[in-house]
Amino acid sequence: MTSSPDHSKAAAPRDPVAAPVRRRGKALERAIFEATLDQLTSGGFARLTMEGVAGAAQTGKAALYRRWASKQDLVLDALDSSLPPATDIPDRGSVREELRDLMRRMCATVQSPGGCAVRVLMAELEHERAQVFAAFTMKRVVEPAKRAVLEILRRGEARGDVRPGAAVPLVADVAPALLLYRAKLHGGSLPEDFADQVVDQVLLPMVRPLP
């Protein structure tokens, strides 16, 4: 004799399928930029696609093309958004402390997601497009760093802890040039004390007052 099914127990409810998150405005823009940088650092510019970015950001491809005409435009905006803003270094009464502060910020920028993406781009792209991103890097990273170095050195001249005449563009080139060279040579890996080494072993000996 077969037993009849027991209807006294309610069937377990099915787990609802979560609906995709619909982002708008700044939240959507952040998701798009994060997806763009992730595709850049993992696969390079050539493999980055608008479709891939849209899928990772949980939006439609049309939403990207309404804002950016090409993936190059999208990449430039994503980089600009991810890199820390150029900020002035406050007067700390010591050229060493101010240069250390600046170098540490520069190192953090190079090792940020935007900095990693810039290195990938510069290593991969053909000459014409590489020039576009090189110009962006100069405007967004290198030139602000040089202006900050010059401002620090000029304050040091006024205080007397920097040699008169040392606050010149060629000296200001040294810090960002060393940083970008080291980051490119070692894939963005920097020693923990790299900022202090550059200040104490390179920059200060160049600008100290003569005995």
N, C-alpha and C. Protein backbone atom coordinates (compact mmCIF):
# COMPACT_ATOMS: atom_id res chain seq x y z
N MET A 1 0.84 -1.19 0.00
CA MET A 1 0.00 0.00 0.00
C MET A 1 0.87 1.24 0.00
N THR A 2 0.66 2.08 -0.96
CA THR A 2 1.49 3.28 -1.05
C THR A 2 0.90 4.37 -0.20
N SER A 3 1.79 5.08 0.47
CA SER A 3 1.34 6.17 1.33
C SER A 3 1.10 7.42 0.51
N SER A 4 0.07 8.15 0.90
CA SER A 4 -0.24 9.40 0.19
C SER A 4 0.74 10.48 0.61
N PRO A 5 1.03 11.43 -0.28
CA PRO A 5 1.99 12.48 0.06
C PRO A 5 1.48 13.33 1.20
N ASP A 6 2.40 13.74 2.06
CA ASP A 6 2.07 14.56 3.22
C ASP A 6 2.04 16.02 2.81
N HIS A 7 0.81 16.60 2.82
CA HIS A 7 0.68 18.00 2.45
C HIS A 7 0.71 18.93 3.65
N SER A 8 0.97 18.33 4.83
CA SER A 8 0.93 19.16 6.02
C SER A 8 2.14 20.08 6.13
N LYS A 9 3.22 19.70 5.45
CA LYS A 9 4.44 20.51 5.51
C LYS A 9 4.46 21.45 4.31
N ALA A 10 4.64 22.72 4.57
CA ALA A 10 4.69 23.70 3.47
C ALA A 10 6.01 23.57 2.74
N ALA A 11 5.93 23.72 1.43
CA ALA A 11 7.16 23.66 0.64
C ALA A 11 8.05 24.84 0.99
N ALA A 12 9.37 24.57 1.01
CA ALA A 12 10.32 25.63 1.35
C ALA A 12 10.28 26.70 0.26
N PRO A 13 10.23 27.96 0.65
CA PRO A 13 10.19 29.02 -0.36
C PRO A 13 11.49 29.10 -1.14
N ARG A 14 11.35 29.41 -2.40
CA ARG A 14 12.54 29.56 -3.24
C ARG A 14 13.26 30.86 -2.90
N ASP A 15 14.59 30.82 -3.01
CA ASP A 15 15.36 32.04 -2.77
C ASP A 15 15.11 33.02 -3.90
N PRO A 16 14.71 34.22 -3.59
CA PRO A 16 14.49 35.19 -4.67
C PRO A 16 15.80 35.56 -5.34
N VAL A 17 15.74 35.79 -6.61
CA VAL A 17 16.92 36.22 -7.36
C VAL A 17 17.04 37.73 -7.24
N ALA A 18 18.18 38.16 -6.72
CA ALA A 18 18.37 39.60 -6.52
C ALA A 18 18.42 40.31 -7.87
N ALA A 19 17.71 41.39 -7.96
CA ALA A 19 17.73 42.18 -9.19
C ALA A 19 19.03 42.94 -9.31
N PRO A 20 19.52 43.14 -10.52
CA PRO A 20 20.75 43.91 -10.69
C PRO A 20 20.63 45.30 -10.08
N VAL A 21 21.72 45.74 -9.51
CA VAL A 21 21.74 47.07 -8.90
C VAL A 21 21.70 48.12 -10.01
N ARG A 22 20.76 49.04 -9.92
CA ARG A 22 20.66 50.10 -10.91
C ARG A 22 21.29 51.35 -10.32
N ARG A 23 22.44 51.71 -10.88
CA ARG A 23 23.15 52.88 -10.39
C ARG A 23 22.84 54.07 -11.29
N ARG A 24 22.91 55.24 -10.71
CA ARG A 24 22.69 56.46 -11.48
C ARG A 24 23.69 57.51 -11.02
N GLY A 25 23.84 58.52 -11.85
CA GLY A 25 24.63 59.68 -11.48
C GLY A 25 26.06 59.32 -11.09
N LYS A 26 26.52 59.88 -9.96
CA LYS A 26 27.89 59.68 -9.52
C LYS A 26 28.18 58.23 -9.17
N ALA A 27 27.20 57.52 -8.62
CA ALA A 27 27.41 56.12 -8.28
C ALA A 27 27.69 55.29 -9.54
N LEU A 28 26.95 55.55 -10.60
CA LEU A 28 27.18 54.85 -11.86
C LEU A 28 28.53 55.24 -12.43
N GLU A 29 28.87 56.51 -12.37
CA GLU A 29 30.15 56.97 -12.91
C GLU A 29 31.31 56.30 -12.17
N ARG A 30 31.22 56.21 -10.86
CA ARG A 30 32.28 55.54 -10.08
C ARG A 30 32.41 54.08 -10.49
N ALA A 31 31.28 53.40 -10.66
CA ALA A 31 31.32 51.99 -11.07
C ALA A 31 31.96 51.83 -12.44
N ILE A 32 31.64 52.74 -13.35
CA ILE A 32 32.23 52.69 -14.70
C ILE A 32 33.74 52.92 -14.63
N PHE A 33 34.16 53.91 -13.86
CA PHE A 33 35.59 54.20 -13.76
C PHE A 33 36.35 53.04 -13.11
N GLU A 34 35.76 52.45 -12.08
CA GLU A 34 36.41 51.30 -11.43
C GLU A 34 36.54 50.14 -12.41
N ALA A 35 35.50 49.87 -13.18
CA ALA A 35 35.55 48.79 -14.17
C ALA A 35 36.59 49.09 -15.24
N THR A 36 36.68 50.34 -15.65
CA THR A 36 37.66 50.73 -16.67
C THR A 36 39.08 50.49 -16.19
N LEU A 37 39.40 50.93 -14.98
CA LEU A 37 40.75 50.75 -14.45
C LEU A 37 41.06 49.28 -14.23
N ASP A 38 40.06 48.51 -13.80
CA ASP A 38 40.28 47.08 -13.60
C ASP A 38 40.61 46.39 -14.92
N GLN A 39 39.88 46.74 -15.99
CA GLN A 39 40.17 46.14 -17.30
C GLN A 39 41.54 46.58 -17.82
N LEU A 40 41.89 47.82 -17.56
CA LEU A 40 43.20 48.31 -18.01
C LEU A 40 44.34 47.55 -17.35
N THR A 41 44.27 47.43 -16.02
CA THR A 41 45.38 46.82 -15.31
C THR A 41 45.45 45.31 -15.51
N SER A 42 44.31 44.68 -15.80
CA SER A 42 44.31 43.23 -15.97
C SER A 42 44.55 42.80 -17.41
N GLY A 43 44.10 43.60 -18.39
CA GLY A 43 44.23 43.16 -19.77
C GLY A 43 44.84 44.14 -20.73
N GLY A 44 45.06 45.39 -20.28
CA GLY A 44 45.65 46.38 -21.17
C GLY A 44 44.62 47.12 -22.00
N PHE A 45 45.07 48.16 -22.68
CA PHE A 45 44.17 49.00 -23.45
C PHE A 45 43.57 48.26 -24.63
N ALA A 46 44.36 47.42 -25.30
CA ALA A 46 43.88 46.74 -26.50
C ALA A 46 42.70 45.83 -26.20
N ARG A 47 42.68 45.20 -25.04
CA ARG A 47 41.61 44.26 -24.70
C ARG A 47 40.45 44.93 -23.98
N LEU A 48 40.61 46.17 -23.60
CA LEU A 48 39.51 46.89 -22.96
C LEU A 48 38.42 47.17 -23.99
N THR A 49 37.18 46.89 -23.64
CA THR A 49 36.06 47.17 -24.54
C THR A 49 34.97 47.92 -23.78
N MET A 50 34.21 48.71 -24.52
CA MET A 50 33.08 49.40 -23.91
C MET A 50 32.05 48.39 -23.40
N GLU A 51 31.87 47.29 -24.16
CA GLU A 51 30.93 46.26 -23.72
C GLU A 51 31.38 45.64 -22.39
N GLY A 52 32.67 45.36 -22.28
CA GLY A 52 33.18 44.76 -21.05
C GLY A 52 33.04 45.68 -19.86
N VAL A 53 33.33 46.96 -20.07
CA VAL A 53 33.19 47.92 -18.98
C VAL A 53 31.73 48.04 -18.57
N ALA A 54 30.84 48.12 -19.56
CA ALA A 54 29.42 48.25 -19.25
C ALA A 54 28.92 47.04 -18.45
N GLY A 55 29.35 45.84 -18.85
CA GLY A 55 28.92 44.65 -18.13
C GLY A 55 29.43 44.64 -16.70
N ALA A 56 30.69 44.99 -16.50
CA ALA A 56 31.25 45.00 -15.15
C ALA A 56 30.60 46.06 -14.27
N ALA A 57 30.20 47.17 -14.88
CA ALA A 57 29.56 48.25 -14.13
C ALA A 57 28.05 48.06 -14.01
N GLN A 58 27.52 46.97 -14.58
CA GLN A 58 26.08 46.65 -14.54
C GLN A 58 25.25 47.78 -15.15
N THR A 59 25.65 48.17 -16.35
CA THR A 59 24.90 49.17 -17.08
C THR A 59 24.92 48.80 -18.56
N GLY A 60 24.26 49.58 -19.37
CA GLY A 60 24.23 49.31 -20.80
C GLY A 60 25.33 50.05 -21.54
N LYS A 61 25.72 49.50 -22.67
CA LYS A 61 26.77 50.14 -23.47
C LYS A 61 26.34 51.54 -23.90
N ALA A 62 25.06 51.73 -24.14
CA ALA A 62 24.58 53.05 -24.56
C ALA A 62 24.84 54.11 -23.50
N ALA A 63 24.81 53.72 -22.23
CA ALA A 63 25.08 54.68 -21.16
C ALA A 63 26.51 55.19 -21.23
N LEU A 64 27.42 54.35 -21.70
CA LEU A 64 28.82 54.79 -21.85
C LEU A 64 28.95 55.74 -23.04
N TYR A 65 28.35 55.36 -24.16
CA TYR A 65 28.50 56.18 -25.36
C TYR A 65 27.79 57.52 -25.26
N ARG A 66 26.82 57.62 -24.34
CA ARG A 66 26.21 58.94 -24.12
C ARG A 66 27.18 59.90 -23.46
N ARG A 67 28.16 59.35 -22.73
CA ARG A 67 29.11 60.19 -22.00
C ARG A 67 30.45 60.29 -22.71
N TRP A 68 30.89 59.19 -23.33
CA TRP A 68 32.23 59.14 -23.92
C TRP A 68 32.14 58.62 -25.36
N ALA A 69 32.74 59.37 -26.29
CA ALA A 69 32.67 58.99 -27.70
C ALA A 69 33.56 57.80 -28.03
N SER A 70 34.58 57.56 -27.22
CA SER A 70 35.52 56.47 -27.50
C SER A 70 36.08 55.95 -26.18
N LYS A 71 36.71 54.78 -26.26
CA LYS A 71 37.29 54.24 -25.03
C LYS A 71 38.50 55.05 -24.59
N GLN A 72 39.16 55.73 -25.51
CA GLN A 72 40.26 56.62 -25.11
C GLN A 72 39.73 57.75 -24.22
N ASP A 73 38.61 58.35 -24.60
CA ASP A 73 38.01 59.40 -23.78
C ASP A 73 37.61 58.87 -22.41
N LEU A 74 37.06 57.67 -22.40
CA LEU A 74 36.66 57.05 -21.13
C LEU A 74 37.87 56.82 -20.24
N VAL A 75 38.94 56.30 -20.82
CA VAL A 75 40.15 56.02 -20.03
C VAL A 75 40.73 57.29 -19.44
N LEU A 76 40.79 58.36 -20.23
CA LEU A 76 41.33 59.61 -19.73
C LEU A 76 40.52 60.13 -18.54
N ASP A 77 39.19 60.07 -18.63
CA ASP A 77 38.36 60.52 -17.52
C ASP A 77 38.50 59.61 -16.30
N ALA A 78 38.62 58.31 -16.54
CA ALA A 78 38.79 57.38 -15.42
C ALA A 78 40.11 57.63 -14.70
N LEU A 79 41.17 57.88 -15.46
CA LEU A 79 42.46 58.19 -14.85
C LEU A 79 42.40 59.49 -14.06
N ASP A 80 41.81 60.51 -14.66
CA ASP A 80 41.73 61.80 -13.99
C ASP A 80 40.94 61.70 -12.69
N SER A 81 39.89 60.90 -12.70
CA SER A 81 39.07 60.75 -11.51
C SER A 81 39.79 59.98 -10.41
N SER A 82 40.64 59.02 -10.79
CA SER A 82 41.26 58.14 -9.80
C SER A 82 42.53 58.71 -9.19
N LEU A 83 43.22 59.59 -9.91
CA LEU A 83 44.46 60.13 -9.38
C LEU A 83 44.16 61.19 -8.32
N PRO A 84 44.94 61.20 -7.24
CA PRO A 84 44.70 62.21 -6.19
C PRO A 84 44.87 63.61 -6.75
N PRO A 85 44.10 64.56 -6.23
CA PRO A 85 44.25 65.94 -6.71
C PRO A 85 45.59 66.51 -6.31
N ALA A 86 46.10 67.40 -7.15
CA ALA A 86 47.34 68.09 -6.81
C ALA A 86 47.07 69.05 -5.66
N THR A 87 47.82 68.90 -4.60
CA THR A 87 47.62 69.74 -3.43
C THR A 87 48.91 70.44 -3.05
N ASP A 88 48.78 71.61 -2.48
CA ASP A 88 49.95 72.33 -2.01
C ASP A 88 50.46 71.71 -0.71
N ILE A 89 51.76 71.71 -0.55
CA ILE A 89 52.37 71.22 0.68
C ILE A 89 52.46 72.40 1.65
N PRO A 90 51.90 72.28 2.83
CA PRO A 90 51.94 73.42 3.77
C PRO A 90 53.35 73.69 4.27
N ASP A 91 53.56 74.90 4.71
CA ASP A 91 54.85 75.31 5.27
C ASP A 91 55.04 74.64 6.63
N ARG A 92 56.01 73.73 6.71
CA ARG A 92 56.28 73.03 7.96
C ARG A 92 57.55 73.56 8.64
N GLY A 93 58.12 74.61 8.08
CA GLY A 93 59.32 75.19 8.68
C GLY A 93 60.58 74.42 8.40
N SER A 94 60.53 73.41 7.54
CA SER A 94 61.69 72.57 7.23
C SER A 94 61.56 72.06 5.81
N VAL A 95 62.57 72.32 4.99
CA VAL A 95 62.52 71.84 3.61
C VAL A 95 62.53 70.32 3.57
N ARG A 96 63.21 69.68 4.51
CA ARG A 96 63.24 68.22 4.53
C ARG A 96 61.85 67.64 4.78
N GLU A 97 61.14 68.15 5.78
CA GLU A 97 59.82 67.63 6.09
C GLU A 97 58.84 67.87 4.94
N GLU A 98 58.95 69.01 4.30
CA GLU A 98 58.04 69.32 3.19
C GLU A 98 58.33 68.43 1.99
N LEU A 99 59.61 68.20 1.69
CA LEU A 99 59.95 67.33 0.56
C LEU A 99 59.56 65.89 0.86
N ARG A 100 59.72 65.44 2.09
CA ARG A 100 59.30 64.08 2.45
C ARG A 100 57.79 63.93 2.29
N ASP A 101 57.05 64.93 2.73
CA ASP A 101 55.59 64.90 2.57
C ASP A 101 55.22 64.78 1.10
N LEU A 102 55.84 65.61 0.27
CA LEU A 102 55.54 65.60 -1.16
C LEU A 102 55.92 64.26 -1.79
N MET A 103 57.10 63.74 -1.49
CA MET A 103 57.54 62.49 -2.11
C MET A 103 56.64 61.32 -1.70
N ARG A 104 56.19 61.32 -0.47
CA ARG A 104 55.30 60.24 -0.03
C ARG A 104 53.97 60.30 -0.77
N ARG A 105 53.47 61.50 -0.99
CA ARG A 105 52.23 61.64 -1.77
C ARG A 105 52.45 61.18 -3.21
N MET A 106 53.58 61.52 -3.77
CA MET A 106 53.88 61.11 -5.15
C MET A 106 53.99 59.60 -5.26
N CYS A 107 54.64 58.97 -4.28
CA CYS A 107 54.74 57.51 -4.29
C CYS A 107 53.36 56.87 -4.20
N ALA A 108 52.49 57.44 -3.35
CA ALA A 108 51.14 56.90 -3.23
C ALA A 108 50.38 57.03 -4.55
N THR A 109 50.61 58.13 -5.26
CA THR A 109 49.94 58.32 -6.55
C THR A 109 50.40 57.27 -7.56
N VAL A 110 51.69 57.04 -7.62
CA VAL A 110 52.24 56.06 -8.58
C VAL A 110 51.71 54.66 -8.29
N GLN A 111 51.50 54.35 -7.02
CA GLN A 111 51.06 53.01 -6.64
C GLN A 111 49.54 52.88 -6.55
N SER A 112 48.82 53.95 -6.82
CA SER A 112 47.36 53.92 -6.80
C SER A 112 46.83 53.18 -8.03
N PRO A 113 45.53 52.81 -8.05
CA PRO A 113 44.97 52.17 -9.25
C PRO A 113 45.18 53.00 -10.51
N GLY A 114 45.03 54.32 -10.41
CA GLY A 114 45.27 55.17 -11.57
C GLY A 114 46.72 55.14 -12.01
N GLY A 115 47.63 55.16 -11.04
CA GLY A 115 49.06 55.09 -11.38
C GLY A 115 49.43 53.77 -12.05
N CYS A 116 48.87 52.67 -11.55
CA CYS A 116 49.11 51.36 -12.18
C CYS A 116 48.60 51.36 -13.62
N ALA A 117 47.43 51.93 -13.84
CA ALA A 117 46.86 51.98 -15.19
C ALA A 117 47.72 52.82 -16.12
N VAL A 118 48.24 53.93 -15.63
CA VAL A 118 49.11 54.77 -16.46
C VAL A 118 50.34 53.98 -16.90
N ARG A 119 50.94 53.22 -16.00
CA ARG A 119 52.13 52.44 -16.37
C ARG A 119 51.80 51.40 -17.44
N VAL A 120 50.66 50.75 -17.30
CA VAL A 120 50.25 49.77 -18.31
C VAL A 120 50.09 50.44 -19.67
N LEU A 121 49.45 51.58 -19.69
CA LEU A 121 49.21 52.30 -20.94
C LEU A 121 50.52 52.70 -21.60
N MET A 122 51.42 53.26 -20.85
CA MET A 122 52.66 53.76 -21.43
C MET A 122 53.53 52.63 -21.96
N ALA A 123 53.41 51.46 -21.38
CA ALA A 123 54.21 50.33 -21.83
C ALA A 123 53.62 49.64 -23.06
N GLU A 124 52.31 49.77 -23.26
CA GLU A 124 51.63 48.98 -24.27
C GLU A 124 51.34 49.71 -25.57
N LEU A 125 51.03 50.97 -25.51
CA LEU A 125 50.41 51.63 -26.66
C LEU A 125 51.38 51.98 -27.77
N GLU A 126 50.82 52.07 -28.96
CA GLU A 126 51.61 52.53 -30.10
C GLU A 126 51.95 54.01 -29.93
N HIS A 127 52.87 54.49 -30.71
CA HIS A 127 53.47 55.81 -30.47
C HIS A 127 52.44 56.93 -30.41
N GLU A 128 51.51 56.96 -31.37
CA GLU A 128 50.59 58.09 -31.44
C GLU A 128 49.70 58.16 -30.21
N ARG A 129 49.11 57.03 -29.82
CA ARG A 129 48.23 57.06 -28.65
C ARG A 129 49.04 57.21 -27.37
N ALA A 130 50.25 56.66 -27.34
CA ALA A 130 51.09 56.83 -26.16
C ALA A 130 51.37 58.30 -25.90
N GLN A 131 51.50 59.09 -26.96
CA GLN A 131 51.74 60.52 -26.79
C GLN A 131 50.57 61.20 -26.09
N VAL A 132 49.35 60.75 -26.39
CA VAL A 132 48.17 61.33 -25.74
C VAL A 132 48.23 61.10 -24.23
N PHE A 133 48.52 59.87 -23.84
CA PHE A 133 48.55 59.55 -22.41
C PHE A 133 49.81 60.12 -21.74
N ALA A 134 50.90 60.25 -22.50
CA ALA A 134 52.09 60.90 -21.94
C ALA A 134 51.81 62.36 -21.64
N ALA A 135 51.10 63.03 -22.55
CA ALA A 135 50.73 64.42 -22.32
C ALA A 135 49.81 64.54 -21.11
N PHE A 136 48.88 63.60 -20.96
CA PHE A 136 48.01 63.60 -19.78
C PHE A 136 48.83 63.44 -18.51
N THR A 137 49.79 62.50 -18.51
CA THR A 137 50.60 62.25 -17.33
C THR A 137 51.43 63.48 -16.96
N MET A 138 51.97 64.15 -17.97
CA MET A 138 52.73 65.37 -17.70
C MET A 138 51.85 66.43 -17.05
N LYS A 139 50.66 66.63 -17.60
CA LYS A 139 49.77 67.69 -17.10
C LYS A 139 49.19 67.36 -15.74
N ARG A 140 48.84 66.08 -15.53
CA ARG A 140 48.10 65.69 -14.33
C ARG A 140 48.99 65.28 -13.17
N VAL A 141 50.20 64.78 -13.48
CA VAL A 141 51.07 64.23 -12.43
C VAL A 141 52.40 64.98 -12.33
N VAL A 142 53.13 65.05 -13.45
CA VAL A 142 54.50 65.55 -13.39
C VAL A 142 54.55 67.05 -13.14
N GLU A 143 53.82 67.83 -13.92
CA GLU A 143 53.89 69.29 -13.77
C GLU A 143 53.44 69.76 -12.39
N PRO A 144 52.33 69.24 -11.83
CA PRO A 144 51.98 69.64 -10.46
C PRO A 144 53.07 69.29 -9.45
N ALA A 145 53.72 68.14 -9.63
CA ALA A 145 54.80 67.75 -8.71
C ALA A 145 55.97 68.72 -8.82
N LYS A 146 56.32 69.10 -10.03
CA LYS A 146 57.42 70.05 -10.21
C LYS A 146 57.10 71.40 -9.59
N ARG A 147 55.86 71.87 -9.78
CA ARG A 147 55.47 73.15 -9.17
C ARG A 147 55.55 73.08 -7.65
N ALA A 148 55.15 71.93 -7.08
CA ALA A 148 55.22 71.78 -5.62
C ALA A 148 56.67 71.79 -5.14
N VAL A 149 57.56 71.11 -5.86
CA VAL A 149 58.98 71.11 -5.48
C VAL A 149 59.54 72.53 -5.51
N LEU A 150 59.24 73.25 -6.57
CA LEU A 150 59.74 74.62 -6.69
C LEU A 150 59.22 75.50 -5.55
N GLU A 151 57.96 75.35 -5.21
CA GLU A 151 57.39 76.15 -4.12
C GLU A 151 58.10 75.83 -2.80
N ILE A 152 58.36 74.54 -2.55
CA ILE A 152 59.06 74.15 -1.33
C ILE A 152 60.47 74.73 -1.31
N LEU A 153 61.17 74.65 -2.41
CA LEU A 153 62.55 75.15 -2.46
C LEU A 153 62.59 76.66 -2.32
N ARG A 154 61.62 77.35 -2.89
CA ARG A 154 61.60 78.82 -2.74
C ARG A 154 61.35 79.22 -1.30
N ARG A 155 60.47 78.49 -0.62
CA ARG A 155 60.28 78.77 0.81
C ARG A 155 61.57 78.49 1.56
N GLY A 156 62.25 77.41 1.18
CA GLY A 156 63.52 77.08 1.84
C GLY A 156 64.56 78.16 1.63
N GLU A 157 64.61 78.73 0.42
CA GLU A 157 65.54 79.84 0.17
C GLU A 157 65.26 81.00 1.10
N ALA A 158 63.97 81.32 1.27
CA ALA A 158 63.60 82.44 2.14
C ALA A 158 63.98 82.17 3.59
N ARG A 159 63.91 80.90 4.01
CA ARG A 159 64.26 80.55 5.40
C ARG A 159 65.76 80.40 5.59
N GLY A 160 66.48 80.13 4.49
CA GLY A 160 67.92 79.94 4.59
C GLY A 160 68.37 78.50 4.63
N ASP A 161 67.44 77.52 4.49
CA ASP A 161 67.87 76.12 4.49
C ASP A 161 67.97 75.54 3.08
N VAL A 162 67.86 76.38 2.06
CA VAL A 162 68.10 76.00 0.66
C VAL A 162 69.05 77.02 0.06
N ARG A 163 70.01 76.51 -0.68
CA ARG A 163 71.02 77.38 -1.30
C ARG A 163 70.37 78.36 -2.27
N PRO A 164 70.71 79.64 -2.21
CA PRO A 164 70.16 80.61 -3.18
C PRO A 164 70.44 80.17 -4.61
N GLY A 165 69.41 80.22 -5.45
CA GLY A 165 69.55 79.82 -6.85
C GLY A 165 69.27 78.36 -7.11
N ALA A 166 68.99 77.56 -6.05
CA ALA A 166 68.75 76.12 -6.24
C ALA A 166 67.33 75.82 -6.70
N ALA A 167 66.41 76.76 -6.50
CA ALA A 167 65.00 76.53 -6.88
C ALA A 167 64.81 76.79 -8.36
N VAL A 168 65.24 75.84 -9.19
CA VAL A 168 65.16 75.97 -10.65
C VAL A 168 64.44 74.74 -11.22
N PRO A 169 63.83 74.87 -12.39
CA PRO A 169 63.06 73.75 -12.97
C PRO A 169 63.87 72.47 -13.14
N LEU A 170 65.16 72.56 -13.46
CA LEU A 170 65.96 71.35 -13.65
C LEU A 170 66.06 70.54 -12.36
N VAL A 171 66.22 71.22 -11.24
CA VAL A 171 66.25 70.51 -9.96
C VAL A 171 64.88 69.92 -9.65
N ALA A 172 63.82 70.66 -9.96
CA ALA A 172 62.47 70.17 -9.71
C ALA A 172 62.13 68.95 -10.55
N ASP A 173 62.81 68.77 -11.68
CA ASP A 173 62.59 67.59 -12.53
C ASP A 173 63.04 66.30 -11.86
N VAL A 174 63.98 66.40 -10.94
CA VAL A 174 64.67 65.20 -10.44
C VAL A 174 63.71 64.27 -9.71
N ALA A 175 62.89 64.80 -8.82
CA ALA A 175 62.02 63.93 -8.00
C ALA A 175 61.03 63.13 -8.85
N PRO A 176 60.21 63.77 -9.70
CA PRO A 176 59.28 62.96 -10.51
C PRO A 176 60.00 62.05 -11.49
N ALA A 177 61.14 62.48 -12.02
CA ALA A 177 61.87 61.63 -12.97
C ALA A 177 62.38 60.36 -12.29
N LEU A 178 62.95 60.50 -11.09
CA LEU A 178 63.42 59.32 -10.36
C LEU A 178 62.27 58.38 -10.02
N LEU A 179 61.17 58.97 -9.59
CA LEU A 179 60.02 58.17 -9.19
C LEU A 179 59.45 57.39 -10.37
N LEU A 180 59.24 58.05 -11.50
CA LEU A 180 58.66 57.37 -12.66
C LEU A 180 59.62 56.33 -13.21
N TYR A 181 60.92 56.63 -13.22
CA TYR A 181 61.92 55.67 -13.69
C TYR A 181 61.91 54.42 -12.82
N ARG A 182 61.94 54.61 -11.50
CA ARG A 182 61.97 53.46 -10.59
C ARG A 182 60.68 52.65 -10.69
N ALA A 183 59.55 53.33 -10.78
CA ALA A 183 58.27 52.63 -10.88
C ALA A 183 58.18 51.82 -12.17
N LYS A 184 58.65 52.39 -13.27
CA LYS A 184 58.61 51.68 -14.54
C LYS A 184 59.56 50.49 -14.53
N LEU A 185 60.75 50.67 -13.96
CA LEU A 185 61.76 49.62 -13.95
C LEU A 185 61.33 48.44 -13.10
N HIS A 186 60.59 48.71 -12.01
CA HIS A 186 60.23 47.66 -11.07
C HIS A 186 58.72 47.39 -11.04
N GLY A 187 58.02 47.79 -12.07
CA GLY A 187 56.61 47.49 -12.15
C GLY A 187 55.77 48.13 -11.08
N GLY A 188 56.18 49.30 -10.62
CA GLY A 188 55.40 50.02 -9.62
C GLY A 188 55.79 49.70 -8.20
N SER A 189 56.66 48.71 -8.01
CA SER A 189 57.08 48.36 -6.65
C SER A 189 58.15 49.34 -6.17
N LEU A 190 57.91 49.92 -5.01
CA LEU A 190 58.85 50.89 -4.44
C LEU A 190 59.21 50.45 -3.02
N PRO A 191 60.48 50.59 -2.63
CA PRO A 191 60.83 50.30 -1.23
C PRO A 191 60.03 51.20 -0.29
N GLU A 192 59.78 50.70 0.90
CA GLU A 192 58.97 51.45 1.86
C GLU A 192 59.58 52.81 2.17
N ASP A 193 60.91 52.87 2.17
CA ASP A 193 61.60 54.12 2.52
C ASP A 193 62.09 54.88 1.29
N PHE A 194 61.51 54.59 0.13
CA PHE A 194 62.00 55.21 -1.10
C PHE A 194 61.88 56.73 -1.04
N ALA A 195 60.77 57.25 -0.56
CA ALA A 195 60.57 58.70 -0.50
C ALA A 195 61.66 59.36 0.34
N ASP A 196 61.95 58.78 1.51
CA ASP A 196 62.97 59.36 2.38
C ASP A 196 64.36 59.24 1.75
N GLN A 197 64.62 58.15 1.04
CA GLN A 197 65.92 57.99 0.37
C GLN A 197 66.14 59.08 -0.67
N VAL A 198 65.11 59.34 -1.48
CA VAL A 198 65.24 60.38 -2.51
C VAL A 198 65.50 61.73 -1.88
N VAL A 199 64.80 62.03 -0.80
CA VAL A 199 64.98 63.34 -0.15
C VAL A 199 66.37 63.44 0.46
N ASP A 200 66.75 62.45 1.25
CA ASP A 200 67.99 62.55 2.03
C ASP A 200 69.25 62.31 1.20
N GLN A 201 69.15 61.44 0.20
CA GLN A 201 70.36 61.07 -0.55
C GLN A 201 70.50 61.81 -1.88
N VAL A 202 69.42 62.42 -2.36
CA VAL A 202 69.47 63.07 -3.67
C VAL A 202 69.11 64.56 -3.60
N LEU A 203 67.90 64.84 -3.13
CA LEU A 203 67.41 66.21 -3.21
C LEU A 203 68.13 67.16 -2.25
N LEU A 204 68.22 66.79 -0.98
CA LEU A 204 68.85 67.70 -0.02
C LEU A 204 70.31 67.98 -0.34
N PRO A 205 71.12 66.97 -0.71
CA PRO A 205 72.50 67.30 -1.09
C PRO A 205 72.59 68.26 -2.29
N MET A 206 71.56 68.27 -3.13
CA MET A 206 71.59 69.17 -4.29
C MET A 206 71.30 70.63 -3.92
N VAL A 207 70.56 70.83 -2.83
CA VAL A 207 70.06 72.18 -2.55
C VAL A 207 70.53 72.77 -1.24
N ARG A 208 71.27 72.02 -0.43
CA ARG A 208 71.73 72.56 0.84
C ARG A 208 72.62 73.79 0.64
N PRO A 209 72.57 74.71 1.58
CA PRO A 209 73.51 75.85 1.51
C PRO A 209 74.96 75.36 1.55
N LEU A 210 75.81 76.03 0.82
CA LEU A 210 77.22 75.66 0.82
C LEU A 210 77.84 75.94 2.18
N PRO A 211 78.78 75.09 2.65
CA PRO A 211 79.39 75.34 3.96
C PRO A 211 80.24 76.60 3.96
